[in-house]
């Protein structure tokens, strides 16, 4: 499964569609304006919230939190010692972890679980400016979760670059 995400996605207060590789709208990112923290909702085409995404307010390191149905789904933060490449840890609510590594600001990175590739995020396949692809490699993976992880990791990397 391949999805197209527009880089403008990280604007606050705006809504953006994520399309599949056939151009069909699949997910809506609903940016919430006028909030104290960075907040989005990832919705399906019927408007149901699949993943609530927000920045954790009180944390030593920038942290993004994912929830599904009001329940914790995952926490995302940069690994402490990652000098050459961007490395992020996604701590899932069930105790498992995903590893995100690569050139996040260039939109060239991967999401792995226990050394197995789940998704590849890349601009290489695309000719559309300001767009990157999220290719979900495993059929049993949760596309909404992986797209939310990609959005959070890019947001955290860009905030770090601005600091």
N, C-alpha and C. Protein backbone atom coordinates (compact mmCIF):
# COMPACT_ATOMS: atom_id res chain seq x y z
N UNK A 1 0.84 -1.18 0.00
CA UNK A 1 0.00 0.00 0.00
C UNK A 1 0.89 1.24 0.00
N UNK A 2 0.61 2.14 -0.90
CA UNK A 2 1.38 3.37 -0.98
C UNK A 2 0.42 4.55 -0.85
N UNK A 3 0.84 5.53 -0.05
CA UNK A 3 0.04 6.72 0.19
C UNK A 3 0.86 7.96 -0.14
N UNK A 4 0.19 9.01 -0.62
CA UNK A 4 0.84 10.27 -0.93
C UNK A 4 0.48 11.30 0.13
N UNK A 5 1.50 11.90 0.73
CA UNK A 5 1.32 12.89 1.79
C UNK A 5 1.95 14.19 1.32
N UNK A 6 1.22 15.27 1.42
CA UNK A 6 1.73 16.57 1.01
C UNK A 6 2.43 17.23 2.18
N UNK A 7 3.62 17.79 1.94
CA UNK A 7 4.41 18.40 3.00
C UNK A 7 3.66 19.51 3.72
N UNK A 8 2.73 20.14 3.07
CA UNK A 8 1.93 21.18 3.72
C UNK A 8 1.14 20.59 4.89
N UNK A 9 1.13 19.31 5.01
CA UNK A 9 0.41 18.62 6.07
C UNK A 9 0.73 19.17 7.44
N UNK A 10 1.92 19.71 7.63
CA UNK A 10 2.33 20.15 8.94
C UNK A 10 1.84 21.55 9.29
N UNK A 11 0.99 22.14 8.45
CA UNK A 11 0.39 23.42 8.79
C UNK A 11 -0.71 23.22 9.82
N UNK A 12 -0.85 24.15 10.73
CA UNK A 12 -1.85 24.01 11.77
C UNK A 12 -3.14 24.69 11.35
N UNK A 13 -4.25 24.11 11.71
CA UNK A 13 -5.54 24.70 11.41
C UNK A 13 -6.02 24.40 10.00
N UNK A 14 -5.27 23.65 9.22
CA UNK A 14 -5.66 23.31 7.86
C UNK A 14 -5.96 21.82 7.78
N UNK A 15 -6.80 21.48 6.81
CA UNK A 15 -7.13 20.09 6.57
C UNK A 15 -6.46 19.64 5.28
N UNK A 16 -5.94 18.41 5.27
CA UNK A 16 -5.26 17.88 4.09
C UNK A 16 -5.68 16.43 3.88
N UNK A 17 -5.88 16.08 2.62
CA UNK A 17 -6.18 14.70 2.28
C UNK A 17 -4.90 13.93 2.00
N UNK A 18 -4.88 12.68 2.38
CA UNK A 18 -3.82 11.74 2.02
C UNK A 18 -4.46 10.78 1.03
N UNK A 19 -3.80 10.61 -0.11
CA UNK A 19 -4.36 9.79 -1.18
C UNK A 19 -3.59 8.49 -1.31
N UNK A 20 -4.25 7.48 -1.88
CA UNK A 20 -3.52 6.26 -2.22
C UNK A 20 -2.81 6.50 -3.55
N UNK A 21 -2.10 5.49 -4.05
CA UNK A 21 -1.32 5.70 -5.28
C UNK A 21 -2.18 5.77 -6.53
N UNK A 22 -3.50 5.63 -6.39
CA UNK A 22 -4.42 5.79 -7.52
C UNK A 22 -5.11 7.16 -7.49
N UNK A 23 -4.74 7.99 -6.50
CA UNK A 23 -5.34 9.32 -6.39
C UNK A 23 -6.65 9.36 -5.62
N UNK A 24 -7.02 8.26 -4.98
CA UNK A 24 -8.26 8.20 -4.20
C UNK A 24 -7.99 8.71 -2.79
N UNK A 25 -8.83 9.61 -2.31
CA UNK A 25 -8.69 10.13 -0.95
C UNK A 25 -8.94 9.00 0.04
N UNK A 26 -8.02 8.84 1.00
CA UNK A 26 -8.09 7.74 1.96
C UNK A 26 -8.19 8.25 3.39
N UNK A 27 -7.35 9.23 3.74
CA UNK A 27 -7.33 9.78 5.09
C UNK A 27 -7.39 11.30 5.02
N UNK A 28 -8.03 11.89 6.00
CA UNK A 28 -8.06 13.34 6.16
C UNK A 28 -7.29 13.71 7.41
N UNK A 29 -6.36 14.64 7.28
CA UNK A 29 -5.66 15.16 8.44
C UNK A 29 -6.32 16.48 8.79
N UNK A 30 -6.91 16.51 9.96
CA UNK A 30 -7.63 17.68 10.44
C UNK A 30 -6.75 18.40 11.44
N UNK A 31 -6.12 19.51 11.00
CA UNK A 31 -5.25 20.30 11.87
C UNK A 31 -6.08 21.17 12.79
N UNK A 32 -5.77 21.14 14.05
CA UNK A 32 -6.52 21.91 15.04
C UNK A 32 -5.79 23.21 15.36
N UNK A 33 -6.41 24.33 15.00
CA UNK A 33 -5.82 25.64 15.26
C UNK A 33 -6.21 26.13 16.65
N UNK A 34 -5.49 27.15 17.07
CA UNK A 34 -5.79 27.82 18.34
C UNK A 34 -5.71 26.89 19.54
N UNK A 35 -4.78 25.99 19.50
CA UNK A 35 -4.54 25.09 20.63
C UNK A 35 -3.20 25.42 21.26
N UNK A 36 -3.03 25.11 22.53
CA UNK A 36 -1.76 25.36 23.21
C UNK A 36 -0.66 24.41 22.73
N UNK A 37 -1.04 23.28 22.18
CA UNK A 37 -0.06 22.31 21.71
C UNK A 37 -0.40 21.92 20.28
N UNK A 38 0.58 21.39 19.57
CA UNK A 38 0.39 20.96 18.19
C UNK A 38 -0.54 19.76 18.20
N UNK A 39 -1.64 19.84 17.43
CA UNK A 39 -2.67 18.82 17.48
C UNK A 39 -3.24 18.56 16.09
N UNK A 40 -3.42 17.27 15.75
CA UNK A 40 -4.09 16.85 14.53
C UNK A 40 -4.99 15.67 14.84
N UNK A 41 -5.94 15.42 13.93
CA UNK A 41 -6.72 14.18 13.95
C UNK A 41 -6.59 13.55 12.57
N UNK A 42 -6.29 12.27 12.54
CA UNK A 42 -6.26 11.51 11.30
C UNK A 42 -7.61 10.80 11.20
N UNK A 43 -8.37 11.14 10.14
CA UNK A 43 -9.74 10.62 9.99
C UNK A 43 -9.85 9.79 8.71
N UNK A 44 -10.85 8.90 8.70
CA UNK A 44 -11.14 8.17 7.48
C UNK A 44 -12.07 9.03 6.61
N UNK A 45 -12.47 8.51 5.46
CA UNK A 45 -13.28 9.29 4.53
C UNK A 45 -14.69 9.56 5.04
N UNK A 46 -15.14 8.82 6.05
CA UNK A 46 -16.46 9.08 6.66
C UNK A 46 -16.37 10.05 7.84
N UNK A 47 -15.18 10.54 8.13
CA UNK A 47 -15.00 11.51 9.20
C UNK A 47 -14.74 10.91 10.57
N UNK A 48 -14.60 9.59 10.66
CA UNK A 48 -14.29 8.95 11.94
C UNK A 48 -12.83 9.18 12.29
N UNK A 49 -12.55 9.56 13.54
CA UNK A 49 -11.18 9.79 13.99
C UNK A 49 -10.50 8.44 14.19
N UNK A 50 -9.42 8.22 13.46
CA UNK A 50 -8.65 6.98 13.57
C UNK A 50 -7.51 7.12 14.57
N UNK A 51 -6.83 8.28 14.53
CA UNK A 51 -5.71 8.53 15.43
C UNK A 51 -5.74 10.01 15.81
N UNK A 52 -5.66 10.27 17.11
CA UNK A 52 -5.52 11.63 17.62
C UNK A 52 -4.04 11.86 17.87
N UNK A 53 -3.50 12.94 17.33
CA UNK A 53 -2.07 13.23 17.42
C UNK A 53 -1.88 14.55 18.16
N UNK A 54 -1.08 14.55 19.21
CA UNK A 54 -0.80 15.81 19.89
C UNK A 54 0.56 15.79 20.56
N UNK A 55 1.06 16.98 20.81
CA UNK A 55 2.35 17.13 21.47
C UNK A 55 2.14 17.03 22.97
N UNK A 56 3.03 16.30 23.64
CA UNK A 56 2.97 16.20 25.09
C UNK A 56 3.44 17.53 25.67
N UNK A 57 2.66 18.08 26.57
CA UNK A 57 2.93 19.43 27.08
C UNK A 57 4.16 19.48 27.98
N UNK A 58 4.23 18.66 28.98
CA UNK A 58 5.33 18.72 29.95
C UNK A 58 6.24 17.51 29.77
N UNK A 59 7.34 17.73 29.04
CA UNK A 59 8.30 16.65 28.79
C UNK A 59 9.68 17.27 28.65
N UNK A 60 10.71 16.55 29.11
CA UNK A 60 12.08 17.04 28.98
C UNK A 60 12.51 17.14 27.52
N UNK A 61 12.10 16.17 26.72
CA UNK A 61 12.37 16.18 25.28
C UNK A 61 11.04 16.30 24.55
N UNK A 62 11.08 16.91 23.36
CA UNK A 62 9.84 16.98 22.58
C UNK A 62 9.29 15.58 22.38
N UNK A 63 8.01 15.45 22.65
CA UNK A 63 7.35 14.15 22.59
C UNK A 63 5.99 14.31 21.95
N UNK A 64 5.66 13.40 21.05
CA UNK A 64 4.33 13.36 20.44
C UNK A 64 3.60 12.14 20.98
N UNK A 65 2.28 12.29 21.15
CA UNK A 65 1.45 11.23 21.71
C UNK A 65 0.36 10.89 20.69
N UNK A 66 0.17 9.59 20.48
CA UNK A 66 -0.90 9.10 19.62
C UNK A 66 -1.93 8.39 20.48
N UNK A 67 -3.22 8.66 20.19
CA UNK A 67 -4.30 7.98 20.90
C UNK A 67 -5.30 7.47 19.88
N UNK A 68 -5.98 6.40 20.25
CA UNK A 68 -7.06 5.85 19.42
C UNK A 68 -8.24 5.59 20.33
N UNK A 69 -9.35 6.23 20.02
CA UNK A 69 -10.55 6.06 20.84
C UNK A 69 -10.35 6.53 22.27
N UNK A 70 -9.53 7.54 22.48
CA UNK A 70 -9.27 8.06 23.81
C UNK A 70 -8.27 7.26 24.62
N UNK A 71 -7.80 6.14 24.06
CA UNK A 71 -6.83 5.28 24.74
C UNK A 71 -5.43 5.52 24.17
N UNK A 72 -4.39 5.42 25.00
CA UNK A 72 -3.03 5.59 24.50
C UNK A 72 -2.70 4.56 23.42
N UNK A 73 -2.04 5.02 22.37
CA UNK A 73 -1.62 4.14 21.28
C UNK A 73 -0.09 4.09 21.20
N UNK A 74 0.56 5.29 21.26
CA UNK A 74 2.01 5.32 21.15
C UNK A 74 2.54 6.67 21.61
N UNK A 75 3.83 6.66 21.99
CA UNK A 75 4.56 7.87 22.34
C UNK A 75 5.81 7.89 21.47
N UNK A 76 6.11 9.06 20.89
CA UNK A 76 7.23 9.17 19.96
C UNK A 76 8.20 10.23 20.46
N UNK A 77 9.48 9.85 20.51
CA UNK A 77 10.53 10.83 20.88
C UNK A 77 11.83 10.41 20.22
N UNK A 78 12.72 11.39 20.10
CA UNK A 78 14.03 11.13 19.50
C UNK A 78 14.87 10.30 20.45
N UNK A 79 15.63 9.35 19.89
CA UNK A 79 16.56 8.59 20.72
C UNK A 79 17.66 9.54 21.18
N UNK A 80 18.18 9.29 22.35
CA UNK A 80 19.16 10.20 22.95
C UNK A 80 20.47 10.28 22.17
N UNK A 81 21.03 9.17 21.78
CA UNK A 81 22.33 9.17 21.11
C UNK A 81 22.16 8.78 19.64
N UNK A 82 21.87 9.76 18.82
CA UNK A 82 21.74 9.50 17.38
C UNK A 82 22.38 10.67 16.65
N UNK A 83 23.69 10.58 16.46
CA UNK A 83 24.45 11.70 15.93
C UNK A 83 24.43 11.79 14.40
N UNK A 84 24.60 10.69 13.70
CA UNK A 84 24.75 10.74 12.25
C UNK A 84 23.43 10.72 11.50
N UNK A 85 22.47 10.00 12.00
CA UNK A 85 21.16 9.90 11.34
C UNK A 85 20.09 10.20 12.36
N UNK A 86 18.92 10.52 11.88
CA UNK A 86 17.80 10.71 12.79
C UNK A 86 17.29 9.34 13.24
N UNK A 87 17.15 9.18 14.54
CA UNK A 87 16.59 7.95 15.11
C UNK A 87 15.51 8.34 16.11
N UNK A 88 14.36 7.73 15.95
CA UNK A 88 13.25 7.99 16.87
C UNK A 88 12.72 6.66 17.39
N UNK A 89 12.24 6.70 18.61
CA UNK A 89 11.66 5.52 19.24
C UNK A 89 10.17 5.74 19.38
N UNK A 90 9.41 4.76 18.92
CA UNK A 90 7.95 4.78 19.06
C UNK A 90 7.61 3.70 20.08
N UNK A 91 7.21 4.15 21.28
CA UNK A 91 6.83 3.21 22.34
C UNK A 91 5.33 2.97 22.24
N UNK A 92 4.97 1.75 21.86
CA UNK A 92 3.55 1.40 21.71
C UNK A 92 2.94 1.10 23.07
N UNK A 93 1.64 1.30 23.18
CA UNK A 93 0.94 1.09 24.45
C UNK A 93 1.02 -0.36 24.91
N UNK A 94 1.19 -1.31 23.97
CA UNK A 94 1.27 -2.73 24.36
C UNK A 94 2.66 -3.14 24.83
N UNK A 95 3.59 -2.17 24.92
CA UNK A 95 4.94 -2.47 25.41
C UNK A 95 5.96 -2.70 24.31
N UNK A 96 5.53 -2.87 23.07
CA UNK A 96 6.45 -3.05 21.95
C UNK A 96 6.99 -1.69 21.50
N UNK A 97 8.03 -1.74 20.66
CA UNK A 97 8.63 -0.51 20.16
C UNK A 97 8.85 -0.59 18.66
N UNK A 98 8.68 0.54 18.00
CA UNK A 98 9.05 0.70 16.60
C UNK A 98 10.28 1.58 16.55
N UNK A 99 11.14 1.33 15.57
CA UNK A 99 12.34 2.13 15.38
C UNK A 99 12.19 2.89 14.07
N UNK A 100 12.44 4.19 14.13
CA UNK A 100 12.38 5.04 12.95
C UNK A 100 13.77 5.61 12.73
N UNK A 101 14.34 5.41 11.53
CA UNK A 101 15.68 5.93 11.28
C UNK A 101 15.84 6.29 9.82
N UNK A 102 16.74 7.24 9.59
CA UNK A 102 17.03 7.69 8.24
C UNK A 102 17.19 9.19 8.20
N UNK A 103 17.03 9.76 7.04
CA UNK A 103 17.15 11.21 6.84
C UNK A 103 15.74 11.80 6.86
N UNK A 104 15.26 12.09 8.06
CA UNK A 104 13.88 12.51 8.23
C UNK A 104 13.60 13.82 7.51
N UNK A 105 14.49 14.80 7.65
CA UNK A 105 14.25 16.10 7.01
C UNK A 105 14.25 16.00 5.48
N UNK A 106 14.91 14.99 4.94
CA UNK A 106 14.90 14.75 3.49
C UNK A 106 13.74 13.85 3.07
N UNK A 107 12.95 13.42 4.03
CA UNK A 107 11.81 12.51 3.79
C UNK A 107 12.28 11.19 3.19
N UNK A 108 13.36 10.66 3.77
CA UNK A 108 13.92 9.37 3.36
C UNK A 108 14.23 8.57 4.63
N UNK A 109 13.25 7.80 5.12
CA UNK A 109 13.48 7.04 6.34
C UNK A 109 12.59 5.81 6.36
N UNK A 110 12.82 4.95 7.34
CA UNK A 110 12.11 3.68 7.45
C UNK A 110 11.56 3.50 8.85
N UNK A 111 10.49 2.71 8.94
CA UNK A 111 9.90 2.34 10.23
C UNK A 111 10.02 0.82 10.33
N UNK A 112 10.64 0.36 11.44
CA UNK A 112 10.86 -1.07 11.63
C UNK A 112 10.31 -1.53 12.97
N UNK A 113 9.95 -2.80 13.00
CA UNK A 113 9.56 -3.46 14.24
C UNK A 113 10.42 -4.69 14.40
N UNK A 114 11.22 -4.73 15.47
CA UNK A 114 12.06 -5.88 15.77
C UNK A 114 12.94 -6.26 14.57
N UNK A 115 13.51 -5.23 13.90
CA UNK A 115 14.39 -5.46 12.76
C UNK A 115 13.69 -5.74 11.45
N UNK A 116 12.35 -5.80 11.44
CA UNK A 116 11.60 -6.08 10.22
C UNK A 116 10.97 -4.79 9.70
N UNK A 117 11.14 -4.53 8.42
CA UNK A 117 10.65 -3.31 7.79
C UNK A 117 9.12 -3.31 7.74
N UNK A 118 8.52 -2.21 8.24
CA UNK A 118 7.07 -2.03 8.18
C UNK A 118 6.67 -1.02 7.10
N UNK A 119 7.45 0.08 7.00
CA UNK A 119 7.11 1.13 6.05
C UNK A 119 8.35 1.89 5.62
N UNK A 120 8.30 2.41 4.40
CA UNK A 120 9.36 3.25 3.86
C UNK A 120 8.73 4.59 3.51
N UNK A 121 9.35 5.66 3.96
CA UNK A 121 8.89 7.00 3.65
C UNK A 121 9.92 7.59 2.70
N UNK A 122 9.47 8.07 1.53
CA UNK A 122 10.42 8.51 0.52
C UNK A 122 9.81 9.52 -0.44
N UNK A 123 10.65 10.40 -0.94
CA UNK A 123 10.29 11.31 -2.03
C UNK A 123 10.77 10.77 -3.37
N UNK A 124 11.61 9.77 -3.36
CA UNK A 124 12.27 9.29 -4.58
C UNK A 124 11.30 8.84 -5.66
N UNK A 125 10.15 8.27 -5.28
CA UNK A 125 9.25 7.72 -6.29
C UNK A 125 8.41 8.79 -6.96
N UNK A 126 8.42 10.01 -6.40
CA UNK A 126 7.44 11.00 -6.79
C UNK A 126 8.03 12.14 -7.62
N UNK A 127 7.21 12.64 -8.51
CA UNK A 127 7.60 13.83 -9.27
C UNK A 127 6.84 15.05 -8.79
N UNK A 128 5.83 14.86 -7.98
CA UNK A 128 5.04 15.97 -7.46
C UNK A 128 5.84 16.69 -6.38
N UNK A 129 5.99 18.00 -6.52
CA UNK A 129 6.75 18.79 -5.57
C UNK A 129 6.06 18.80 -4.21
N UNK A 130 6.84 18.86 -3.15
CA UNK A 130 6.34 18.94 -1.78
C UNK A 130 5.45 17.76 -1.40
N UNK A 131 5.76 16.60 -1.92
CA UNK A 131 4.99 15.39 -1.62
C UNK A 131 5.96 14.28 -1.28
N UNK A 132 5.58 13.44 -0.33
CA UNK A 132 6.36 12.25 -0.06
C UNK A 132 5.42 11.06 0.02
N UNK A 133 5.98 9.89 -0.18
CA UNK A 133 5.19 8.68 -0.15
C UNK A 133 5.42 7.90 1.12
N UNK A 134 4.38 7.24 1.58
CA UNK A 134 4.48 6.30 2.69
C UNK A 134 4.08 4.95 2.12
N UNK A 135 5.07 4.07 1.98
CA UNK A 135 4.78 2.74 1.47
C UNK A 135 4.75 1.76 2.63
N UNK A 136 3.58 1.20 2.87
CA UNK A 136 3.41 0.21 3.94
C UNK A 136 3.77 -1.14 3.35
N UNK A 137 4.84 -1.74 3.88
CA UNK A 137 5.41 -2.95 3.30
C UNK A 137 4.66 -4.20 3.75
N UNK A 138 4.32 -4.27 5.03
CA UNK A 138 3.63 -5.46 5.56
C UNK A 138 2.13 -5.29 5.45
N UNK A 139 1.47 -6.32 4.96
CA UNK A 139 0.02 -6.26 4.78
C UNK A 139 -0.74 -6.20 6.10
N UNK A 140 -0.16 -6.75 7.17
CA UNK A 140 -0.86 -6.76 8.45
C UNK A 140 -0.54 -5.52 9.29
N UNK A 141 0.22 -4.57 8.74
CA UNK A 141 0.55 -3.34 9.45
C UNK A 141 -0.64 -2.38 9.43
N UNK A 142 -0.67 -1.47 10.38
CA UNK A 142 -1.74 -0.48 10.52
C UNK A 142 -1.34 0.79 9.77
N UNK A 143 -1.90 1.04 8.57
CA UNK A 143 -1.50 2.21 7.78
C UNK A 143 -1.74 3.53 8.52
N UNK A 144 -2.84 3.66 9.22
CA UNK A 144 -3.13 4.90 9.94
C UNK A 144 -2.06 5.18 10.99
N UNK A 145 -1.65 4.15 11.72
CA UNK A 145 -0.60 4.31 12.72
C UNK A 145 0.71 4.72 12.07
N UNK A 146 1.09 4.07 10.98
CA UNK A 146 2.36 4.37 10.32
C UNK A 146 2.38 5.76 9.70
N UNK A 147 1.27 6.21 9.15
CA UNK A 147 1.19 7.58 8.63
C UNK A 147 1.29 8.57 9.77
N UNK A 148 0.60 8.30 10.88
CA UNK A 148 0.68 9.19 12.05
C UNK A 148 2.11 9.25 12.59
N UNK A 149 2.80 8.12 12.62
CA UNK A 149 4.20 8.10 13.06
C UNK A 149 5.06 8.96 12.14
N UNK A 150 4.88 8.84 10.82
CA UNK A 150 5.65 9.63 9.87
C UNK A 150 5.41 11.12 10.09
N UNK A 151 4.17 11.52 10.25
CA UNK A 151 3.82 12.92 10.48
C UNK A 151 4.50 13.43 11.75
N UNK A 152 4.45 12.66 12.82
CA UNK A 152 5.04 13.07 14.10
C UNK A 152 6.55 13.19 14.02
N UNK A 153 7.20 12.22 13.41
CA UNK A 153 8.66 12.23 13.33
C UNK A 153 9.13 13.43 12.52
N UNK A 154 8.47 13.71 11.40
CA UNK A 154 8.84 14.88 10.60
C UNK A 154 8.62 16.16 11.40
N UNK A 155 7.52 16.24 12.11
CA UNK A 155 7.24 17.42 12.93
C UNK A 155 8.31 17.61 14.01
N UNK A 156 8.68 16.55 14.69
CA UNK A 156 9.72 16.64 15.72
C UNK A 156 11.06 17.05 15.13
N UNK A 157 11.43 16.50 13.99
CA UNK A 157 12.71 16.83 13.34
C UNK A 157 12.73 18.30 12.93
N UNK A 158 11.64 18.79 12.40
CA UNK A 158 11.60 20.19 11.96
C UNK A 158 11.63 21.14 13.16
N UNK A 159 10.98 20.79 14.26
CA UNK A 159 11.04 21.61 15.45
C UNK A 159 12.46 21.66 16.01
N UNK A 160 13.13 20.53 15.96
CA UNK A 160 14.52 20.46 16.45
C UNK A 160 15.44 21.31 15.59
N UNK A 161 15.22 21.28 14.27
CA UNK A 161 16.05 22.08 13.36
C UNK A 161 15.84 23.57 13.60
N UNK A 162 14.62 23.98 13.92
CA UNK A 162 14.33 25.39 14.17
C UNK A 162 14.92 25.88 15.48
N UNK A 163 15.15 24.98 16.42
CA UNK A 163 15.63 25.38 17.76
C UNK A 163 17.08 25.78 17.76
